[in-house]
């Protein structure tokens, strides 16, 4: 089975649409996943961190960590044809990469189970 491509979400409307999908909370992030249903197998990925978490340097550091995490996991574990949004929490700054990988894998398994129902 071919690996689906990754596409970044940029439009506000894409983030708002993903908000109506499935949601899983972890200590470091909240994962939102919404199947697009447009026939495109690409995995959509978007990241957001609110100003409550910290200044621009802190928010960008968290988003860089999320991008690295997504590039590692989404091609194999992401849901093809769905948009994935990671909403950063303050624990994302201090949690090690292995912990983030574990949390995201576990969240994706829960999302797959919920969508299959």
Protein backbone atom coordinates (compact mmCIF):
# COMPACT_ATOMS: atom_id res chain seq x y z
CA UNK A 1 0.00 0.00 0.00
CA UNK A 2 1.52 3.38 -0.96
CA UNK A 3 2.32 5.88 1.74
CA UNK A 4 -0.04 8.89 1.56
CA UNK A 5 1.53 12.30 1.05
CA UNK A 6 1.47 15.03 3.67
CA UNK A 7 -0.13 18.42 3.12
CA UNK A 8 -0.06 21.38 5.44
CA UNK A 9 -3.25 23.08 6.55
CA UNK A 10 -3.04 26.84 6.22
CA UNK A 11 -6.58 28.22 5.88
CA UNK A 12 -8.59 29.12 8.97
CA UNK A 13 -11.58 27.33 7.43
CA UNK A 14 -9.63 24.04 7.43
CA UNK A 15 -8.91 24.41 11.15
CA UNK A 16 -12.55 25.25 11.90
CA UNK A 17 -13.77 22.26 9.88
CA UNK A 18 -11.41 19.93 11.75
CA UNK A 19 -12.90 21.19 15.02
CA UNK A 20 -16.07 19.22 14.21
CA UNK A 21 -14.13 15.93 14.02
CA UNK A 22 -12.96 13.47 16.67
CA UNK A 23 -10.90 14.77 19.58
CA UNK A 24 -8.39 13.09 21.91
CA UNK A 25 -6.66 14.96 24.74
CA UNK A 26 -3.19 14.09 26.04
CA UNK A 27 -0.98 15.95 28.53
CA UNK A 28 1.04 17.63 25.75
CA UNK A 29 -1.60 18.26 23.06
CA UNK A 30 -5.15 17.82 21.87
CA UNK A 31 -5.48 15.90 18.60
CA UNK A 32 -8.37 16.71 16.27
CA UNK A 33 -9.03 14.44 13.29
CA UNK A 34 -11.70 14.89 10.65
CA UNK A 35 -12.03 12.76 7.50
CA UNK A 36 -12.34 15.08 4.50
CA UNK A 37 -14.29 12.76 2.22
CA UNK A 38 -12.92 14.46 -0.91
CA UNK A 39 -11.23 11.38 -2.39
CA UNK A 40 -7.71 12.74 -1.78
CA UNK A 41 -5.57 10.30 0.21
CA UNK A 42 -3.19 13.00 1.48
CA UNK A 43 -2.83 13.36 5.23
CA UNK A 44 -3.54 16.96 6.25
CA UNK A 45 -1.58 18.33 9.19
CA UNK A 46 -1.92 21.56 11.10
CA UNK A 47 -0.56 22.92 14.36
CA UNK A 48 -1.70 25.64 16.69
CA UNK A 49 -0.51 26.95 20.05
CA UNK A 50 -2.36 29.73 21.87
CA UNK A 51 -0.74 32.80 23.37
CA UNK A 52 -1.65 31.50 26.83
CA UNK A 53 1.14 28.95 26.47
CA UNK A 54 3.94 31.49 26.05
CA UNK A 55 5.58 34.07 23.84
CA UNK A 56 6.35 33.59 20.14
CA UNK A 57 9.63 31.78 20.82
CA UNK A 58 7.91 29.19 23.02
CA UNK A 59 4.98 28.73 20.64
CA UNK A 60 7.28 28.28 17.64
CA UNK A 61 9.44 25.78 19.52
CA UNK A 62 6.35 23.67 20.28
CA UNK A 63 5.20 23.86 16.66
CA UNK A 64 8.67 22.78 15.44
CA UNK A 65 8.48 19.78 17.77
CA UNK A 66 5.00 18.95 16.42
CA UNK A 67 6.19 19.20 12.80
CA UNK A 68 9.04 16.77 13.51
CA UNK A 69 6.60 14.46 15.27
CA UNK A 70 4.12 14.59 12.39
CA UNK A 71 6.76 13.90 9.75
CA UNK A 72 7.82 10.86 11.76
CA UNK A 73 4.38 9.34 12.38
CA UNK A 74 1.77 10.61 9.92
CA UNK A 75 3.01 8.86 6.76
CA UNK A 76 2.59 5.46 8.44
CA UNK A 77 0.11 6.02 11.28
CA UNK A 78 -1.97 8.98 10.08
CA UNK A 79 -5.45 8.49 8.69
CA UNK A 80 -5.36 8.82 4.90
CA UNK A 81 -7.84 11.36 3.58
CA UNK A 82 -8.20 13.11 6.95
CA UNK A 83 -7.04 16.39 8.46
CA UNK A 84 -5.07 16.20 11.72
CA UNK A 85 -4.71 19.23 14.01
CA UNK A 86 -2.40 19.28 17.04
CA UNK A 87 -3.29 21.93 19.61
CA UNK A 88 -0.31 22.48 21.87
CA UNK A 89 -0.40 22.47 25.64
CA UNK A 90 2.35 23.68 27.96
CA UNK A 91 3.58 20.11 28.66
CA UNK A 92 4.61 19.83 25.00
CA UNK A 93 7.61 22.01 25.76
CA UNK A 94 9.08 19.74 28.44
CA UNK A 95 7.91 16.29 27.33
CA UNK A 96 10.62 14.24 25.63
CA UNK A 97 10.26 13.16 21.99
CA UNK A 98 9.67 9.51 22.88
CA UNK A 99 6.80 10.54 25.16
CA UNK A 100 5.25 12.66 22.41
CA UNK A 101 5.54 9.78 19.93
CA UNK A 102 3.88 7.42 22.41
CA UNK A 103 1.06 9.90 23.11
CA UNK A 104 0.39 10.54 19.42
CA UNK A 105 0.39 6.84 18.52
CA UNK A 106 -2.04 6.12 21.35
CA UNK A 107 -4.27 9.04 20.30
CA UNK A 108 -4.32 7.88 16.67
CA UNK A 109 -5.32 4.37 17.75
CA UNK A 110 -8.22 5.82 19.76
CA UNK A 111 -9.30 7.98 16.81
CA UNK A 112 -9.23 4.99 14.44
CA UNK A 113 -11.36 3.02 16.89
CA UNK A 114 -13.87 5.86 17.25
CA UNK A 115 -14.15 6.43 13.50
CA UNK A 116 -14.62 2.70 12.84
CA UNK A 117 -17.69 2.62 15.11
